[in-house]
Amino acid sequence: VANYGPHFSAEIQLFAAKGNVVLYMNPRGSDSYG
């Protein structure tokens, strides 16, 4: 029960810099949706 969002992420940026498309999501069970 946590959530990701449109925030700076060194890890995401480093993976993308290596040529990857990175997908991150808030599946059911995440908070911030009620």
ModelCIF file with pLDDT and N, C-alpha, C, O atoms, coordinates in Angstrom:
data_MODEL
#
_entry.id   MODEL 
#
_entity.id                         1 
_entity.type                       polymer 
_entity.pdbx_number_of_molecules   1 
#
_entity_poly.entity_id                      1 
_entity_poly.type                           'polypeptide(L)' 
_entity_poly.nstd_linkage                   no 
_entity_poly.nstd_monomer                   no 
_entity_poly.pdbx_seq_one_letter_code       VANYGPHFSAEIQLFAAKGNVVLYMNPRGSDSYG 
_entity_poly.pdbx_seq_one_letter_code_can   VANYGPHFSAEIQLFAAKGNVVLYMNPRGSDSYG 
_entity_poly.pdbx_strand_id                 A 
#
loop_
_entity_poly_seq.entity_id 
_entity_poly_seq.num 
_entity_poly_seq.mon_id 
_entity_poly_seq.hetero 
1 1  VAL n 
1 2  ALA n 
1 3  ASN n 
1 4  TYR n 
1 5  GLY n 
1 6  PRO n 
1 7  HIS n 
1 8  PHE n 
1 9  SER n 
1 10 ALA n 
1 11 GLU n 
1 12 ILE n 
1 13 GLN n 
1 14 LEU n 
1 15 PHE n 
1 16 ALA n 
1 17 ALA n 
1 18 LYS n 
1 19 GLY n 
1 20 ASN n 
1 21 VAL n 
1 22 VAL n 
1 23 LEU n 
1 24 TYR n 
1 25 MET n 
1 26 ASN n 
1 27 PRO n 
1 28 ARG n 
1 29 GLY n 
1 30 SER n 
1 31 ASP n 
1 32 SER n 
1 33 TYR n 
1 34 GLY n 
#
_struct_asym.id          A 
_struct_asym.entity_id   1 
#
loop_
_ma_qa_metric.id 
_ma_qa_metric.mode 
_ma_qa_metric.name 
_ma_qa_metric.software_group_id 
_ma_qa_metric.type 
1 global pLDDT . pLDDT 
2 local  pLDDT . pLDDT 
#
_ma_qa_metric_global.metric_id      1 
_ma_qa_metric_global.metric_value   97.41 
_ma_qa_metric_global.model_id       1 
_ma_qa_metric_global.ordinal_id     1 
#
loop_
_ma_qa_metric_local.label_asym_id 
_ma_qa_metric_local.label_comp_id 
_ma_qa_metric_local.label_seq_id 
_ma_qa_metric_local.metric_id 
_ma_qa_metric_local.metric_value 
_ma_qa_metric_local.model_id 
_ma_qa_metric_local.ordinal_id 
A VAL 1  2 97.00 1 1  
A ALA 2  2 97.00 1 2  
A ASN 3  2 97.00 1 3  
A TYR 4  2 97.00 1 4  
A GLY 5  2 96.00 1 5  
A PRO 6  2 97.00 1 6  
A HIS 7  2 96.00 1 7  
A PHE 8  2 96.00 1 8  
A SER 9  2 97.00 1 9  
A ALA 10 2 97.00 1 10 
A GLU 11 2 97.00 1 11 
A ILE 12 2 98.00 1 12 
A GLN 13 2 98.00 1 13 
A LEU 14 2 98.00 1 14 
A PHE 15 2 98.00 1 15 
A ALA 16 2 98.00 1 16 
A ALA 17 2 97.00 1 17 
A LYS 18 2 97.00 1 18 
A GLY 19 2 97.00 1 19 
A ASN 20 2 98.00 1 20 
A VAL 21 2 98.00 1 21 
A VAL 22 2 98.00 1 22 
A LEU 23 2 98.00 1 23 
A TYR 24 2 98.00 1 24 
A MET 25 2 98.00 1 25 
A ASN 26 2 98.00 1 26 
A PRO 27 2 98.00 1 27 
A ARG 28 2 98.00 1 28 
A GLY 29 2 98.00 1 29 
A SER 30 2 98.00 1 30 
A ASP 31 2 97.00 1 31 
A SER 32 2 97.00 1 32 
A TYR 33 2 98.00 1 33 
A GLY 34 2 97.00 1 34 
#
loop_
_atom_site.group_PDB 
_atom_site.id 
_atom_site.type_symbol 
_atom_site.label_atom_id 
_atom_site.label_alt_id 
_atom_site.label_comp_id 
_atom_site.label_asym_id 
_atom_site.label_entity_id 
_atom_site.label_seq_id 
_atom_site.pdbx_PDB_ins_code 
_atom_site.Cartn_x 
_atom_site.Cartn_y 
_atom_site.Cartn_z 
_atom_site.occupancy 
_atom_site.B_iso_or_equiv 
_atom_site.pdbx_formal_charge 
_atom_site.auth_seq_id 
_atom_site.auth_comp_id 
_atom_site.auth_asym_id 
_atom_site.auth_atom_id 
_atom_site.pdbx_PDB_model_num 
ATOM 1   N N  . VAL A 1 1  ? 0.864   -1.188 0.000   1.00 97.00 ? 1  VAL A N  1 
ATOM 2   C CA . VAL A 1 1  ? 0.000   0.000  0.000   1.00 97.00 ? 1  VAL A CA 1 
ATOM 3   C C  . VAL A 1 1  ? 0.896   1.232  0.000   1.00 97.00 ? 1  VAL A C  1 
ATOM 4   O O  . VAL A 1 1  ? 1.264   1.751  1.054   1.00 97.00 ? 1  VAL A O  1 
ATOM 5   N N  . ALA A 1 2  ? 1.234   1.683  -1.183  1.00 97.00 ? 2  ALA A N  1 
ATOM 6   C CA . ALA A 1 2  ? 2.056   2.867  -1.401  1.00 97.00 ? 2  ALA A CA 1 
ATOM 7   C C  . ALA A 1 2  ? 1.702   3.354  -2.797  1.00 97.00 ? 2  ALA A C  1 
ATOM 8   O O  . ALA A 1 2  ? 0.785   2.821  -3.422  1.00 97.00 ? 2  ALA A O  1 
ATOM 9   N N  . ASN A 1 3  ? 2.413   4.353  -3.294  1.00 97.00 ? 3  ASN A N  1 
ATOM 10  C CA . ASN A 1 3  ? 2.118   4.787  -4.664  1.00 97.00 ? 3  ASN A CA 1 
ATOM 11  C C  . ASN A 1 3  ? 3.320   5.450  -5.303  1.00 97.00 ? 3  ASN A C  1 
ATOM 12  O O  . ASN A 1 3  ? 4.106   6.134  -4.648  1.00 97.00 ? 3  ASN A O  1 
ATOM 13  N N  . TYR A 1 4  ? 3.440   5.227  -6.602  1.00 97.00 ? 4  TYR A N  1 
ATOM 14  C CA . TYR A 1 4  ? 4.363   5.952  -7.458  1.00 97.00 ? 4  TYR A CA 1 
ATOM 15  C C  . TYR A 1 4  ? 3.621   7.134  -8.081  1.00 97.00 ? 4  TYR A C  1 
ATOM 16  O O  . TYR A 1 4  ? 2.395   7.230  -8.013  1.00 97.00 ? 4  TYR A O  1 
ATOM 17  N N  . GLY A 1 5  ? 4.398   8.026  -8.688  1.00 96.00 ? 5  GLY A N  1 
ATOM 18  C CA . GLY A 1 5  ? 3.779   9.160  -9.358  1.00 96.00 ? 5  GLY A CA 1 
ATOM 19  C C  . GLY A 1 5  ? 4.750   9.852  -10.289 1.00 96.00 ? 5  GLY A C  1 
ATOM 20  O O  . GLY A 1 5  ? 5.848   9.348  -10.527 1.00 96.00 ? 5  GLY A O  1 
ATOM 21  N N  . PRO A 1 6  ? 4.362   11.001 -10.821 1.00 97.00 ? 6  PRO A N  1 
ATOM 22  C CA . PRO A 1 6  ? 5.221   11.731 -11.759 1.00 97.00 ? 6  PRO A CA 1 
ATOM 23  C C  . PRO A 1 6  ? 6.305   12.515 -11.018 1.00 97.00 ? 6  PRO A C  1 
ATOM 24  O O  . PRO A 1 6  ? 6.283   13.744 -10.968 1.00 97.00 ? 6  PRO A O  1 
ATOM 25  N N  . HIS A 1 7  ? 7.246   11.777 -10.450 1.00 96.00 ? 7  HIS A N  1 
ATOM 26  C CA . HIS A 1 7  ? 8.305   12.366 -9.636  1.00 96.00 ? 7  HIS A CA 1 
ATOM 27  C C  . HIS A 1 7  ? 9.664   11.944 -10.171 1.00 96.00 ? 7  HIS A C  1 
ATOM 28  O O  . HIS A 1 7  ? 9.784   10.942 -10.876 1.00 96.00 ? 7  HIS A O  1 
ATOM 29  N N  . PHE A 1 8  ? 10.692  12.726 -9.825  1.00 96.00 ? 8  PHE A N  1 
ATOM 30  C CA . PHE A 1 8  ? 12.039  12.394 -10.269 1.00 96.00 ? 8  PHE A CA 1 
ATOM 31  C C  . PHE A 1 8  ? 12.479  11.081 -9.639  1.00 96.00 ? 8  PHE A C  1 
ATOM 32  O O  . PHE A 1 8  ? 12.268  10.852 -8.448  1.00 96.00 ? 8  PHE A O  1 
ATOM 33  N N  . SER A 1 9  ? 13.083  10.232 -10.436 1.00 97.00 ? 9  SER A N  1 
ATOM 34  C CA . SER A 1 9  ? 13.602  8.952  -9.960  1.00 97.00 ? 9  SER A CA 1 
ATOM 35  C C  . SER A 1 9  ? 14.941  8.692  -10.624 1.00 97.00 ? 9  SER A C  1 
ATOM 36  O O  . SER A 1 9  ? 15.018  8.526  -11.841 1.00 97.00 ? 9  SER A O  1 
ATOM 37  N N  . ALA A 1 10 ? 15.995  8.657  -9.822  1.00 97.00 ? 10 ALA A N  1 
ATOM 38  C CA . ALA A 1 10 ? 17.321  8.375  -10.376 1.00 97.00 ? 10 ALA A CA 1 
ATOM 39  C C  . ALA A 1 10 ? 17.360  6.991  -11.017 1.00 97.00 ? 10 ALA A C  1 
ATOM 40  O O  . ALA A 1 10 ? 17.981  6.808  -12.063 1.00 97.00 ? 10 ALA A O  1 
ATOM 41  N N  . GLU A 1 11 ? 16.698  6.015  -10.391 1.00 97.00 ? 11 GLU A N  1 
ATOM 42  C CA . GLU A 1 11 ? 16.725  4.658  -10.930 1.00 97.00 ? 11 GLU A CA 1 
ATOM 43  C C  . GLU A 1 11 ? 16.003  4.579  -12.275 1.00 97.00 ? 11 GLU A C  1 
ATOM 44  O O  . GLU A 1 11 ? 16.524  3.993  -13.225 1.00 97.00 ? 11 GLU A O  1 
ATOM 45  N N  . ILE A 1 12 ? 14.830  5.156  -12.359 1.00 98.00 ? 12 ILE A N  1 
ATOM 46  C CA . ILE A 1 12 ? 14.077  5.147  -13.627 1.00 98.00 ? 12 ILE A CA 1 
ATOM 47  C C  . ILE A 1 12 ? 14.873  5.862  -14.710 1.00 98.00 ? 12 ILE A C  1 
ATOM 48  O O  . ILE A 1 12 ? 14.968  5.376  -15.837 1.00 98.00 ? 12 ILE A O  1 
ATOM 49  N N  . GLN A 1 13 ? 15.446  7.017  -14.371 1.00 98.00 ? 13 GLN A N  1 
ATOM 50  C CA . GLN A 1 13 ? 16.207  7.784  -15.361 1.00 98.00 ? 13 GLN A CA 1 
ATOM 51  C C  . GLN A 1 13 ? 17.445  7.021  -15.829 1.00 98.00 ? 13 GLN A C  1 
ATOM 52  O O  . GLN A 1 13 ? 17.786  7.069  -17.011 1.00 98.00 ? 13 GLN A O  1 
ATOM 53  N N  . LEU A 1 14 ? 18.114  6.327  -14.929 1.00 98.00 ? 14 LEU A N  1 
ATOM 54  C CA . LEU A 1 14 ? 19.300  5.567  -15.320 1.00 98.00 ? 14 LEU A CA 1 
ATOM 55  C C  . LEU A 1 14 ? 18.947  4.393  -16.226 1.00 98.00 ? 14 LEU A C  1 
ATOM 56  O O  . LEU A 1 14 ? 19.680  4.098  -17.171 1.00 98.00 ? 14 LEU A O  1 
ATOM 57  N N  . PHE A 1 15 ? 17.831  3.722  -15.948 1.00 98.00 ? 15 PHE A N  1 
ATOM 58  C CA . PHE A 1 15 ? 17.396  2.644  -16.840 1.00 98.00 ? 15 PHE A CA 1 
ATOM 59  C C  . PHE A 1 15 ? 17.044  3.195  -18.225 1.00 98.00 ? 15 PHE A C  1 
ATOM 60  O O  . PHE A 1 15 ? 17.395  2.599  -19.243 1.00 98.00 ? 15 PHE A O  1 
ATOM 61  N N  . ALA A 1 16 ? 16.359  4.320  -18.255 1.00 98.00 ? 16 ALA A N  1 
ATOM 62  C CA . ALA A 1 16 ? 15.983  4.923  -19.545 1.00 98.00 ? 16 ALA A CA 1 
ATOM 63  C C  . ALA A 1 16 ? 17.213  5.384  -20.316 1.00 98.00 ? 16 ALA A C  1 
ATOM 64  O O  . ALA A 1 16 ? 17.254  5.289  -21.543 1.00 98.00 ? 16 ALA A O  1 
ATOM 65  N N  . ALA A 1 17 ? 18.216  5.884  -19.596 1.00 97.00 ? 17 ALA A N  1 
ATOM 66  C CA . ALA A 1 17 ? 19.447  6.338  -20.255 1.00 97.00 ? 17 ALA A CA 1 
ATOM 67  C C  . ALA A 1 17 ? 20.169  5.196  -20.953 1.00 97.00 ? 17 ALA A C  1 
ATOM 68  O O  . ALA A 1 17 ? 20.959  5.434  -21.867 1.00 97.00 ? 17 ALA A O  1 
ATOM 69  N N  . LYS A 1 18 ? 19.912  3.957  -20.536 1.00 97.00 ? 18 LYS A N  1 
ATOM 70  C CA . LYS A 1 18 ? 20.506  2.784  -21.188 1.00 97.00 ? 18 LYS A CA 1 
ATOM 71  C C  . LYS A 1 18 ? 19.680  2.301  -22.375 1.00 97.00 ? 18 LYS A C  1 
ATOM 72  O O  . LYS A 1 18 ? 19.966  1.251  -22.949 1.00 97.00 ? 18 LYS A O  1 
ATOM 73  N N  . GLY A 1 19 ? 18.658  3.067  -22.741 1.00 97.00 ? 19 GLY A N  1 
ATOM 74  C CA . GLY A 1 19 ? 17.889  2.725  -23.933 1.00 97.00 ? 19 GLY A CA 1 
ATOM 75  C C  . GLY A 1 19 ? 16.637  1.927  -23.675 1.00 97.00 ? 19 GLY A C  1 
ATOM 76  O O  . GLY A 1 19 ? 16.060  1.374  -24.611 1.00 97.00 ? 19 GLY A O  1 
ATOM 77  N N  . ASN A 1 20 ? 16.194  1.850  -22.418 1.00 98.00 ? 20 ASN A N  1 
ATOM 78  C CA . ASN A 1 20 ? 14.982  1.108  -22.090 1.00 98.00 ? 20 ASN A CA 1 
ATOM 79  C C  . ASN A 1 20 ? 13.768  2.030  -22.009 1.00 98.00 ? 20 ASN A C  1 
ATOM 80  O O  . ASN A 1 20 ? 13.876  3.176  -21.572 1.00 98.00 ? 20 ASN A O  1 
ATOM 81  N N  . VAL A 1 21 ? 12.632  1.530  -22.426 1.00 98.00 ? 21 VAL A N  1 
ATOM 82  C CA . VAL A 1 21 ? 11.359  2.128  -22.048 1.00 98.00 ? 21 VAL A CA 1 
ATOM 83  C C  . VAL A 1 21 ? 11.010  1.542  -20.678 1.00 98.00 ? 21 VAL A C  1 
ATOM 84  O O  . VAL A 1 21 ? 11.070  0.327  -20.486 1.00 98.00 ? 21 VAL A O  1 
ATOM 85  N N  . VAL A 1 22 ? 10.647  2.401  -19.733 1.00 98.00 ? 22 VAL A N  1 
ATOM 86  C CA . VAL A 1 22 ? 10.354  1.946  -18.374 1.00 98.00 ? 22 VAL A CA 1 
ATOM 87  C C  . VAL A 1 22 ? 8.890   2.221  -18.057 1.00 98.00 ? 22 VAL A C  1 
ATOM 88  O O  . VAL A 1 22 ? 8.407   3.342  -18.219 1.00 98.00 ? 22 VAL A O  1 
ATOM 89  N N  . LEU A 1 23 ? 8.200   1.198  -17.609 1.00 98.00 ? 23 LEU A N  1 
ATOM 90  C CA . LEU A 1 23 ? 6.796   1.320  -17.216 1.00 98.00 ? 23 LEU A CA 1 
ATOM 91  C C  . LEU A 1 23 ? 6.688   1.136  -15.709 1.00 98.00 ? 23 LEU A C  1 
ATOM 92  O O  . LEU A 1 23 ? 7.151   0.134  -15.164 1.00 98.00 ? 23 LEU A O  1 
ATOM 93  N N  . TYR A 1 24 ? 6.074   2.108  -15.038 1.00 98.00 ? 24 TYR A N  1 
ATOM 94  C CA . TYR A 1 24 ? 5.758   1.912  -13.621 1.00 98.00 ? 24 TYR A CA 1 
ATOM 95  C C  . TYR A 1 24 ? 4.300   2.297  -13.382 1.00 98.00 ? 24 TYR A C  1 
ATOM 96  O O  . TYR A 1 24 ? 3.784   3.240  -13.981 1.00 98.00 ? 24 TYR A O  1 
ATOM 97  N N  . MET A 1 25 ? 3.653   1.553  -12.500 1.00 98.00 ? 25 MET A N  1 
ATOM 98  C CA . MET A 1 25 ? 2.201   1.639  -12.351 1.00 98.00 ? 25 MET A CA 1 
ATOM 99  C C  . MET A 1 25 ? 1.797   1.610  -10.878 1.00 98.00 ? 25 MET A C  1 
ATOM 100 O O  . MET A 1 25 ? 2.600   1.295  -10.000 1.00 98.00 ? 25 MET A O  1 
ATOM 101 N N  . ASN A 1 26 ? 0.541   1.945  -10.636 1.00 98.00 ? 26 ASN A N  1 
ATOM 102 C CA . ASN A 1 26 ? -0.078  1.800  -9.322  1.00 98.00 ? 26 ASN A CA 1 
ATOM 103 C C  . ASN A 1 26 ? -1.197  0.768  -9.426  1.00 98.00 ? 26 ASN A C  1 
ATOM 104 O O  . ASN A 1 26 ? -2.360  1.131  -9.601  1.00 98.00 ? 26 ASN A O  1 
ATOM 105 N N  . PRO A 1 27 ? -0.853  -0.515 -9.319  1.00 98.00 ? 27 PRO A N  1 
ATOM 106 C CA . PRO A 1 27 ? -1.888  -1.547 -9.415  1.00 98.00 ? 27 PRO A CA 1 
ATOM 107 C C  . PRO A 1 27 ? -2.814  -1.506 -8.211  1.00 98.00 ? 27 PRO A C  1 
ATOM 108 O O  . PRO A 1 27 ? -2.548  -0.797 -7.240  1.00 98.00 ? 27 PRO A O  1 
ATOM 109 N N  . ARG A 1 28 ? -3.895  -2.260 -8.273  1.00 98.00 ? 28 ARG A N  1 
ATOM 110 C CA . ARG A 1 28 ? -4.843  -2.306 -7.152  1.00 98.00 ? 28 ARG A CA 1 
ATOM 111 C C  . ARG A 1 28 ? -4.088  -2.610 -5.860  1.00 98.00 ? 28 ARG A C  1 
ATOM 112 O O  . ARG A 1 28 ? -3.131  -3.384 -5.840  1.00 98.00 ? 28 ARG A O  1 
ATOM 113 N N  . GLY A 1 29 ? -4.548  -1.977 -4.787  1.00 98.00 ? 29 GLY A N  1 
ATOM 114 C CA . GLY A 1 29 ? -3.836  -2.073 -3.519  1.00 98.00 ? 29 GLY A CA 1 
ATOM 115 C C  . GLY A 1 29 ? -2.993  -0.851 -3.234  1.00 98.00 ? 29 GLY A C  1 
ATOM 116 O O  . GLY A 1 29 ? -2.634  -0.604 -2.083  1.00 98.00 ? 29 GLY A O  1 
ATOM 117 N N  . SER A 1 30 ? -2.665  -0.072 -4.269  1.00 98.00 ? 30 SER A N  1 
ATOM 118 C CA . SER A 1 30 ? -1.939  1.176  -4.062  1.00 98.00 ? 30 SER A CA 1 
ATOM 119 C C  . SER A 1 30 ? -2.839  2.164  -3.337  1.00 98.00 ? 30 SER A C  1 
ATOM 120 O O  . SER A 1 30 ? -4.061  2.115  -3.474  1.00 98.00 ? 30 SER A O  1 
ATOM 121 N N  . ASP A 1 31 ? -2.232  3.066  -2.562  1.00 97.00 ? 31 ASP A N  1 
ATOM 122 C CA . ASP A 1 31 ? -3.044  4.122  -1.973  1.00 97.00 ? 31 ASP A CA 1 
ATOM 123 C C  . ASP A 1 31 ? -3.084  5.329  -2.908  1.00 97.00 ? 31 ASP A C  1 
ATOM 124 O O  . ASP A 1 31 ? -2.474  5.316  -3.978  1.00 97.00 ? 31 ASP A O  1 
ATOM 125 N N  . SER A 1 32 ? -3.794  6.354  -2.504  1.00 97.00 ? 32 SER A N  1 
ATOM 126 C CA . SER A 1 32 ? -4.042  7.609  -3.231  1.00 97.00 ? 32 SER A CA 1 
ATOM 127 C C  . SER A 1 32 ? -5.205  7.507  -4.217  1.00 97.00 ? 32 SER A C  1 
ATOM 128 O O  . SER A 1 32 ? -5.430  8.417  -5.014  1.00 97.00 ? 32 SER A O  1 
ATOM 129 N N  . TYR A 1 33 ? -5.952  6.380  -4.159  1.00 98.00 ? 33 TYR A N  1 
ATOM 130 C CA . TYR A 1 33 ? -7.126  6.199  -5.020  1.00 98.00 ? 33 TYR A CA 1 
ATOM 131 C C  . TYR A 1 33 ? -8.380  5.888  -4.200  1.00 98.00 ? 33 TYR A C  1 
ATOM 132 O O  . TYR A 1 33 ? -9.411  5.519  -4.762  1.00 98.00 ? 33 TYR A O  1 
ATOM 133 N N  . GLY A 1 34 ? -8.295  6.033  -2.892  1.00 97.00 ? 34 GLY A N  1 
ATOM 134 C CA . GLY A 1 34 ? -9.442  5.756  -2.046  1.00 97.00 ? 34 GLY A CA 1 
ATOM 135 C C  . GLY A 1 34 ? -9.338  4.420  -1.337  1.00 97.00 ? 34 GLY A C  1 
ATOM 136 O O  . GLY A 1 34 ? -10.239 4.049  -0.584  1.00 97.00 ? 34 GLY A O  1 
#
